Amino acid sequence: MKKNNCLVCGNKKIKDILDLGKTSLANNLISFKDKDLKDKKYPLVLGQCNSCLHVQLKYIVKPKLMFDKYLYLSSASSTLTQHLSSIPHAINKLIKINKNDTVIDIGSNDGSLLKGYKKFNVKCIAVEPAKNLRKYYKNTSIINYTNYFDENLAKKIAKKHGKPKIITATNVFPHIQNLEKFCKSLKILMEEKSVFVFEAHYLLNLLQDAAFDTIYHEHVSYWSITAAQTLFEKHGLELFKVDKLNIHHGQIRCWVAKKNTYKIDKKLTSLIKYENMNGRIHKKGLSQFKKKVMEIKYKIGKLLQEQKKIGKKVVGYGAPAKASTLITFLNIKKDLLPYIVDKNPLKQNCYIPGARIPIYPVKKIYEEKPDFLINFAWNFIDEIKAQNKRFLKKGGKIINPIPKLQIIK
């Protein structure tokens, strides 16, 4: 469905930034047994609001098609697991967490973040719509709601469990298609001192790194601090602190509360000033981003063709959603990339949608001994190198495609 208005301010003028063509839903992998299913493709076009400068998709897909069943697991990455479990400790440094407090994680996936509250002895509530992820809450003390977060659920939770002190949403806030309803639901749950903490890929890092593969249908918004501040002001809430994080090639952690509850962090003003002065979120910066994307596309395509020509075998390592965007945009077929390996058992014995490149367990690279691994999880390159010491020691090489094409020996 085409989205004609800005998700943040409602303005109807959204200009195109980058058209990635029609692509399949990135995380909707197709199992080997369902190989005859047809892929449905949707336009993937990045745009920017002329008024508040929020960056978003111009076409959106129904959430149920993407999130009722979800194959991404936070615990598949040790780097991410460590990061998520550290978030409660980071929150506790600013907002004291007491025994028996209630905390909620929206889009909780396999519960990796909530498990970080273990030492605090709090009541943990998970909100995760993916039915296939319910099993990760069995034999835990976490209260799990297999629902989409909305006003009805917020009222239900508040009535049954009381209002939480802490609400988190990591890597899920960019998924929210109706931000007005989300903020209304949030306010239902928030008591006077409640804090909402969300993390999201930072727009400036995405533009600087030309991380176009981070663009897919799940991510309807690409957050700048300026746009986040505009959104919460509109709904009677206040962004009072922002932390810049190194995880996922650059994220922001945003702290939100009711107005005049917490002191505004001194760094916030300078962060917003920098964001608007350096020009990256304006026309010149967006034009440079598009140019970088096309350069990356050319270089990766050329490298794969050259290796094929001299008889070298390149296979993929990791099947994150970003792999689908990169493979589709570069039009990579099985003759250039015969298969991908991934640690996540939910993704094994499936095909990348569209290209239909198969995904196998990691052991396959030691059985077949390819010459190169192209690392689709390039934002976790240190972890990937550590996982593949044996592969590198035996003469294999890793291609890290973004932000700068590298061959690691």
Protein backbone atom coordinates (compact mmCIF):
# COMPACT_ATOMS: atom_id res chain seq x y z
CA MET A 1 0.00 0.00 0.00
CA LYS A 2 1.37 3.40 -0.91
CA LYS A 3 1.94 5.69 2.08
CA ASN A 4 1.23 9.25 0.98
CA ASN A 5 1.73 10.96 4.30
CA CYS A 6 4.59 11.32 6.77
CA LEU A 7 4.38 8.85 9.65
CA VAL A 8 5.63 11.52 12.07
CA CYS A 9 3.97 14.81 11.15
CA GLY A 10 1.29 13.81 8.59
CA ASN A 11 2.66 16.00 5.78
CA LYS A 12 1.67 14.64 2.35
CA LYS A 13 4.83 15.57 0.45
CA ILE A 14 7.28 12.67 0.55
CA LYS A 15 10.14 12.89 -1.95
CA ASP A 16 11.99 9.85 -3.28
CA ILE A 17 15.52 9.14 -2.05
CA LEU A 18 16.30 5.63 -3.33
CA ASP A 19 14.28 3.09 -5.29
CA LEU A 20 15.46 -0.47 -4.63
CA GLY A 21 12.88 -1.99 -6.99
CA LYS A 22 10.33 -4.66 -6.16
CA THR A 23 11.55 -7.09 -3.51
CA SER A 24 10.16 -10.01 -1.51
CA LEU A 25 9.63 -9.69 2.24
CA ALA A 26 13.17 -10.05 3.56
CA ASN A 27 12.56 -12.35 6.53
CA ASN A 28 9.88 -14.47 4.86
CA LEU A 29 12.17 -17.31 3.93
CA ILE A 30 10.68 -20.21 1.98
CA SER A 31 11.30 -23.72 3.32
CA PHE A 32 12.61 -26.38 0.97
CA LYS A 33 9.33 -28.28 1.29
CA ASP A 34 7.39 -25.21 0.08
CA LYS A 35 9.64 -24.54 -2.90
CA ASP A 36 6.68 -24.30 -5.30
CA LEU A 37 5.21 -21.30 -3.47
CA LYS A 38 5.29 -18.11 -5.49
CA ASP A 39 7.20 -15.10 -4.19
CA LYS A 40 5.17 -11.93 -3.79
CA LYS A 41 7.14 -8.74 -4.34
CA TYR A 42 6.46 -5.20 -3.16
CA PRO A 43 7.98 -1.83 -4.12
CA LEU A 44 10.87 -0.84 -1.83
CA VAL A 45 11.25 2.94 -2.08
CA LEU A 46 12.88 5.19 0.51
CA GLY A 47 11.49 8.70 0.86
CA GLN A 48 11.79 11.81 3.01
CA CYS A 49 9.19 14.18 4.39
CA ASN A 50 9.61 17.70 3.00
CA SER A 51 8.50 19.19 6.32
CA CYS A 52 10.01 17.35 9.32
CA LEU A 53 12.70 15.48 7.30
CA HIS A 54 11.64 12.07 8.62
CA VAL A 55 12.89 9.25 6.38
CA GLN A 56 10.50 6.37 5.72
CA LEU A 57 9.27 3.86 3.18
CA LYS A 58 6.78 5.06 0.59
CA TYR A 59 5.04 1.68 0.41
CA ILE A 60 4.09 -0.38 3.44
CA VAL A 61 3.07 -4.02 3.86
CA LYS A 62 0.55 -5.41 6.37
CA PRO A 63 2.38 -6.32 9.61
CA LYS A 64 0.75 -9.75 9.82
CA LEU A 65 2.52 -10.77 6.60
CA MET A 66 5.88 -10.06 8.22
CA PHE A 67 5.54 -10.63 11.95
CA ASP A 68 3.01 -13.40 12.67
CA LYS A 69 5.86 -15.81 11.98
CA TYR A 70 9.38 -14.51 12.50
CA LEU A 71 12.66 -16.29 11.84
CA TYR A 72 15.11 -13.78 13.28
CA LEU A 73 16.51 -14.78 16.68
CA SER A 74 18.38 -12.28 18.87
CA SER A 75 20.22 -15.14 20.58
CA ALA A 76 21.75 -16.29 17.26
CA SER A 77 24.38 -13.56 17.72
CA SER A 78 26.53 -13.56 20.85
CA THR A 79 27.33 -9.86 20.28
CA LEU A 80 23.65 -8.95 20.18
CA THR A 81 22.76 -11.20 23.12
CA GLN A 82 25.39 -9.52 25.27
CA HIS A 83 24.20 -6.08 24.19
CA LEU A 84 20.53 -6.78 24.91
CA SER A 85 21.17 -8.34 28.30
CA SER A 86 23.25 -5.27 29.26
CA ILE A 87 20.39 -2.81 28.61
CA PRO A 88 18.63 -3.28 32.01
CA HIS A 89 21.95 -2.51 33.74
CA ALA A 90 22.37 0.64 31.63
CA ILE A 91 18.83 1.72 32.50
CA ASN A 92 19.42 1.07 36.21
CA LYS A 93 22.31 3.57 36.21
CA LEU A 94 19.85 6.34 35.33
CA ILE A 95 16.49 5.04 36.58
CA LYS A 96 16.78 2.97 39.74
CA ILE A 97 15.12 -0.43 39.25
CA ASN A 98 13.64 -1.83 42.45
CA LYS A 99 12.52 -5.30 43.44
CA ASN A 100 8.97 -6.10 42.21
CA ASP A 101 8.93 -3.25 39.66
CA THR A 102 7.15 -4.12 36.41
CA VAL A 103 9.06 -3.92 33.12
CA ILE A 104 7.80 -4.50 29.58
CA ASP A 105 9.67 -5.27 26.38
CA ILE A 106 7.73 -4.65 23.16
CA GLY A 107 8.81 -6.85 20.27
CA SER A 108 10.68 -9.05 22.72
CA ASN A 109 11.69 -11.74 20.20
CA ASP A 110 13.21 -14.66 22.17
CA GLY A 111 13.40 -12.76 25.47
CA SER A 112 17.13 -11.97 25.36
CA LEU A 113 16.66 -8.43 26.75
CA LEU A 114 14.24 -9.45 29.51
CA LYS A 115 16.66 -12.11 30.73
CA GLY A 116 19.01 -9.25 31.58
CA TYR A 117 16.65 -8.23 34.41
CA LYS A 118 17.26 -11.50 36.27
CA LYS A 119 19.30 -9.99 39.12
CA PHE A 120 16.72 -7.23 39.70
CA ASN A 121 13.85 -9.58 40.71
CA VAL A 122 11.24 -7.66 38.73
CA LYS A 123 8.03 -8.69 36.98
CA CYS A 124 8.92 -9.12 33.28
CA ILE A 125 6.29 -8.83 30.56
CA ALA A 126 6.99 -9.72 26.92
CA VAL A 127 4.92 -8.47 23.99
CA GLU A 128 5.81 -10.46 20.88
CA PRO A 129 3.33 -11.13 18.04
CA ALA A 130 5.27 -13.99 16.39
CA LYS A 131 3.45 -17.18 17.31
CA ASN A 132 6.44 -19.39 16.52
CA LEU A 133 8.52 -17.61 19.21
CA ARG A 134 6.18 -18.48 22.09
CA LYS A 135 8.24 -21.57 22.84
CA TYR A 136 11.16 -19.42 24.01
CA TYR A 137 9.11 -18.31 27.04
CA LYS A 138 8.27 -21.79 28.30
CA ASN A 139 9.87 -22.62 31.63
CA THR A 140 10.68 -18.95 32.29
CA SER A 141 9.10 -16.51 34.73
CA ILE A 142 8.42 -14.05 31.89
CA ILE A 143 4.75 -13.22 31.27
CA ASN A 144 4.26 -13.45 27.51
CA TYR A 145 1.58 -11.79 25.38
CA THR A 146 1.51 -13.07 21.80
CA ASN A 147 -0.08 -9.89 20.50
CA TYR A 148 0.60 -6.72 18.59
CA PHE A 149 1.01 -3.76 20.91
CA ASP A 150 -2.07 -1.50 20.79
CA GLU A 151 -4.40 0.45 23.07
CA ASN A 152 -6.49 -2.59 24.03
CA LEU A 153 -3.43 -4.58 25.06
CA ALA A 154 -2.00 -1.58 26.94
CA LYS A 155 -5.24 -1.29 28.95
CA LYS A 156 -5.27 -5.03 29.63
CA ILE A 157 -1.69 -5.04 30.90
CA ALA A 158 -2.19 -1.91 33.03
CA LYS A 159 -5.33 -3.38 34.63
CA LYS A 160 -3.85 -6.81 35.31
CA HIS A 161 -0.25 -5.96 36.20
CA GLY A 162 -0.19 -2.25 36.97
CA LYS A 163 1.78 0.40 35.09
CA PRO A 164 5.42 -0.45 34.40
CA LYS A 165 8.41 1.61 35.43
CA ILE A 166 10.37 0.70 32.29
CA ILE A 167 9.14 0.04 28.73
CA THR A 168 11.65 -0.97 26.07
CA ALA A 169 11.54 -1.55 22.32
CA THR A 170 14.86 -2.45 20.68
CA ASN A 171 15.15 -2.75 16.91
CA VAL A 172 11.36 -2.82 16.72
CA PHE A 173 10.50 0.88 16.89
CA PRO A 174 11.35 1.27 13.17
CA HIS A 175 8.62 -1.34 12.46
CA ILE A 176 5.76 0.78 13.83
CA GLN A 177 3.43 1.79 11.01
CA ASN A 178 0.97 3.87 13.03
CA LEU A 179 3.06 6.02 15.34
CA GLU A 180 0.06 8.00 16.61
CA LYS A 181 -1.65 4.85 17.89
CA PHE A 182 1.62 3.58 19.31
CA CYS A 183 2.16 6.78 21.32
CA LYS A 184 -1.43 6.67 22.62
CA SER A 185 -0.92 3.06 23.70
CA LEU A 186 2.38 4.00 25.33
CA LYS A 187 0.77 6.80 27.35
CA ILE A 188 -1.87 4.38 28.69
CA LEU A 189 0.92 2.35 30.27
CA MET A 190 3.05 5.21 31.56
CA GLU A 191 2.82 6.40 35.15
CA GLU A 192 4.34 9.71 36.22
CA LYS A 193 7.94 8.45 36.38
CA SER A 194 7.76 5.73 33.69
CA VAL A 195 10.46 5.72 31.02
CA PHE A 196 10.25 4.42 27.47
CA VAL A 197 13.63 3.41 26.01
CA PHE A 198 13.96 2.46 22.37
CA GLU A 199 16.91 1.64 20.16
CA ALA A 200 17.02 2.00 16.40
CA HIS A 201 19.51 2.20 13.56
CA TYR A 202 20.67 5.79 13.36
CA LEU A 203 19.87 7.50 10.08
CA LEU A 204 23.20 9.36 9.96
CA ASN A 205 25.16 6.11 10.24
CA LEU A 206 23.00 4.47 7.58
CA LEU A 207 23.68 7.36 5.19
CA GLN A 208 27.40 7.57 6.02
CA ASP A 209 27.95 3.82 5.59
CA ALA A 210 25.63 3.58 2.56
CA ALA A 211 23.96 0.71 4.43
CA PHE A 212 21.20 0.31 1.86
CA ASP A 213 20.75 -3.35 2.77
CA THR A 214 19.27 -2.20 6.11
CA ILE A 215 16.32 -0.95 4.06
CA TYR A 216 13.54 -3.54 3.87
CA HIS A 217 9.79 -3.64 4.36
CA GLU A 218 9.88 -4.32 8.10
CA HIS A 219 11.74 -1.04 8.65
CA VAL A 220 9.17 1.60 7.73
CA SER A 221 11.07 4.39 9.56
CA TYR A 222 14.76 5.37 9.57
CA TRP A 223 15.22 7.47 12.66
CA SER A 224 17.03 10.74 13.11
CA ILE A 225 17.05 12.38 16.55
CA THR A 226 15.28 15.41 15.04
CA ALA A 227 12.36 13.30 13.81
CA ALA A 228 12.10 11.41 17.11
CA GLN A 229 11.92 14.68 19.04
CA THR A 230 9.20 15.97 16.69
CA LEU A 231 7.15 12.80 17.13
CA PHE A 232 7.14 12.74 20.93
CA GLU A 233 6.52 16.49 21.26
CA LYS A 234 3.45 16.05 19.11
CA HIS A 235 2.08 13.44 21.52
CA GLY A 236 2.79 15.19 24.81
CA LEU A 237 5.92 13.19 25.58
CA GLU A 238 9.52 14.32 25.83
CA LEU A 239 12.76 12.97 24.47
CA PHE A 240 15.15 13.79 27.32
CA LYS A 241 18.31 11.82 26.50
CA VAL A 242 19.97 10.11 23.53
CA ASP A 243 22.96 7.77 23.57
CA LYS A 244 24.90 6.86 20.44
CA LEU A 245 25.79 3.16 20.29
CA ASN A 246 28.27 1.17 18.20
CA ILE A 247 26.06 -1.92 17.85
CA HIS A 248 24.58 -2.62 14.36
CA HIS A 249 26.95 -0.17 12.59
CA GLY A 250 25.54 2.70 14.68
CA GLN A 251 22.34 3.04 16.68
CA ILE A 252 20.67 5.56 18.93
CA ARG A 253 19.18 4.77 22.33
CA CYS A 254 16.40 7.25 23.01
CA TRP A 255 14.93 7.95 26.47
CA VAL A 256 11.35 9.23 26.58
CA ALA A 257 9.07 10.25 29.46
CA LYS A 258 6.13 12.51 30.21
CA LYS A 259 6.98 16.21 29.82
CA ASN A 260 9.03 17.91 32.53
CA THR A 261 9.63 14.63 34.40
CA TYR A 262 13.37 14.27 33.84
CA LYS A 263 16.09 16.85 33.23
CA ILE A 264 17.02 17.26 29.57
CA ASP A 265 20.50 15.90 28.94
CA LYS A 266 22.96 18.62 27.88
CA LYS A 267 24.26 16.54 24.98
CA LEU A 268 20.82 16.31 23.33
CA THR A 269 20.83 19.88 22.02
CA SER A 270 24.32 19.51 20.54
CA LEU A 271 23.40 16.17 18.91
CA ILE A 272 20.39 17.73 17.19
CA LYS A 273 22.42 20.78 16.17
CA TYR A 274 25.12 18.57 14.65
CA GLU A 275 22.52 16.48 12.86
CA ASN A 276 21.04 19.50 11.12
CA MET A 277 24.25 21.43 10.47
CA ASN A 278 26.34 18.76 8.79
CA GLY A 279 23.84 18.36 5.96
CA ARG A 280 23.58 14.60 5.82
CA ILE A 281 19.83 14.53 6.32
CA HIS A 282 19.34 17.23 3.68
CA LYS A 283 19.40 17.08 -0.11
CA LYS A 284 23.20 17.04 -0.54
CA GLY A 285 23.74 14.25 1.99
CA LEU A 286 20.97 12.12 0.51
CA SER A 287 22.39 12.59 -2.98
CA GLN A 288 25.83 11.43 -1.75
CA PHE A 289 24.20 8.40 -0.11
CA LYS A 290 22.59 7.35 -3.38
CA LYS A 291 25.90 7.75 -5.23
CA LYS A 292 27.71 5.58 -2.66
CA VAL A 293 25.03 2.88 -2.96
CA MET A 294 25.50 2.65 -6.72
CA GLU A 295 29.29 2.45 -6.29
CA ILE A 296 28.93 -0.43 -3.82
CA LYS A 297 26.55 -2.21 -6.16
CA TYR A 298 29.06 -1.95 -9.01
CA LYS A 299 32.07 -3.08 -6.93
CA ILE A 300 30.38 -6.13 -5.38
CA GLY A 301 28.89 -7.20 -8.71
CA LYS A 302 32.27 -6.85 -10.43
CA LEU A 303 34.07 -8.85 -7.73
CA LEU A 304 31.60 -11.74 -7.88
CA GLN A 305 31.80 -11.89 -11.68
CA GLU A 306 35.61 -11.85 -11.59
CA GLN A 307 35.80 -14.71 -9.08
CA LYS A 308 33.36 -16.77 -11.14
CA LYS A 309 35.44 -16.17 -14.28
CA ILE A 310 38.61 -17.55 -12.68
CA GLY A 311 36.81 -20.53 -11.17
CA LYS A 312 36.66 -19.41 -7.54
CA LYS A 313 33.65 -20.35 -5.41
CA VAL A 314 31.91 -17.68 -3.33
CA VAL A 315 29.15 -18.60 -0.84
CA GLY A 316 27.22 -16.50 1.66
CA TYR A 317 27.71 -16.39 5.42
CA GLY A 318 24.67 -15.37 7.44
CA ALA A 319 21.12 -14.87 6.17
CA PRO A 320 19.90 -11.72 7.95
CA ALA A 321 17.09 -9.75 6.34
CA LYS A 322 19.67 -7.38 4.86
CA ALA A 323 20.97 -10.27 2.72
CA SER A 324 17.66 -10.34 0.85
CA THR A 325 17.87 -6.62 0.03
CA LEU A 326 21.48 -6.84 -1.15
CA ILE A 327 20.97 -10.00 -3.21
CA THR A 328 17.82 -8.65 -4.88
CA PHE A 329 19.19 -5.17 -5.62
CA LEU A 330 22.39 -6.63 -7.10
CA ASN A 331 20.40 -9.31 -8.94
CA ILE A 332 22.68 -12.06 -7.58
CA LYS A 333 21.74 -15.51 -8.86
CA LYS A 334 22.79 -19.03 -7.86
CA ASP A 335 25.50 -19.10 -10.54
CA LEU A 336 27.36 -16.42 -8.57
CA LEU A 337 26.27 -17.51 -5.08
CA PRO A 338 25.23 -21.18 -4.92
CA TYR A 339 24.24 -21.15 -1.25
CA ILE A 340 24.40 -19.39 2.14
CA VAL A 341 25.17 -20.87 5.57
CA ASP A 342 23.62 -19.67 8.82
CA LYS A 343 23.82 -20.68 12.50
CA ASN A 344 20.12 -20.04 13.13
CA PRO A 345 18.23 -23.38 12.85
CA LEU A 346 15.01 -21.53 11.94
CA LYS A 347 16.66 -20.32 8.72
CA GLN A 348 18.36 -23.54 7.67
CA ASN A 349 16.77 -25.59 4.87
CA CYS A 350 15.08 -22.49 3.54
CA TYR A 351 15.52 -20.28 0.48
CA ILE A 352 16.26 -16.56 0.35
CA PRO A 353 13.00 -15.18 -1.13
CA GLY A 354 13.13 -14.02 -4.72
CA ALA A 355 16.59 -15.31 -5.63
CA ARG A 356 15.80 -18.77 -4.15
CA ILE A 357 19.38 -19.24 -2.93
CA PRO A 358 19.37 -22.11 -0.38
CA ILE A 359 20.48 -21.75 3.27
CA TYR A 360 22.34 -24.60 4.98
CA PRO A 361 24.02 -25.24 8.35
CA VAL A 362 27.54 -23.79 8.78
CA LYS A 363 29.21 -27.21 8.59
CA LYS A 364 28.66 -27.18 4.81
CA ILE A 365 31.54 -24.73 4.26
CA TYR A 366 33.95 -27.22 5.88
CA GLU A 367 32.61 -30.04 3.73
CA GLU A 368 32.81 -28.12 0.43
CA LYS A 369 35.67 -25.68 1.19
CA PRO A 370 34.65 -22.61 -0.85
CA ASP A 371 37.26 -19.95 -1.61
CA PHE A 372 35.29 -16.97 -0.25
CA LEU A 373 32.53 -16.22 2.23
CA ILE A 374 30.58 -13.03 1.55
CA ASN A 375 29.53 -11.82 4.99
CA PHE A 376 25.96 -10.56 4.87
CA ALA A 377 26.05 -9.86 8.63
CA TRP A 378 28.79 -7.30 8.03
CA ASN A 379 27.75 -5.28 11.09
CA PHE A 380 29.03 -8.20 13.21
CA ILE A 381 32.34 -8.62 11.35
CA ASP A 382 34.45 -9.17 14.51
CA GLU A 383 32.14 -11.94 15.65
CA ILE A 384 32.10 -13.46 12.14
CA LYS A 385 35.92 -13.47 11.96
CA ALA A 386 36.07 -15.19 15.35
CA GLN A 387 33.56 -17.83 14.20
CA ASN A 388 35.59 -18.53 11.06
CA LYS A 389 39.17 -18.68 12.34
CA ARG A 390 39.50 -22.24 11.04
CA PHE A 391 38.16 -21.24 7.61
CA LEU A 392 40.63 -18.33 7.39
CA LYS A 393 43.52 -20.46 8.67
CA LYS A 394 42.93 -22.97 5.88
CA GLY A 395 43.25 -20.24 3.24
CA GLY A 396 39.66 -19.10 2.94
CA LYS A 397 38.81 -15.41 2.61
CA ILE A 398 35.90 -13.29 3.85
CA ILE A 399 34.35 -10.56 1.72
CA ASN A 400 32.90 -7.80 3.91
CA PRO A 401 30.73 -5.77 1.49
CA ILE A 402 29.72 -2.67 3.47
CA PRO A 403 30.56 0.08 4.36
CA LYS A 404 33.79 -0.41 2.38
CA LEU A 405 34.39 -3.52 0.32
CA GLN A 406 37.10 -5.53 2.11
CA ILE A 407 38.69 -8.95 1.57
CA ILE A 408 39.82 -10.42 4.88
CA LYS A 409 42.46 -13.17 4.79
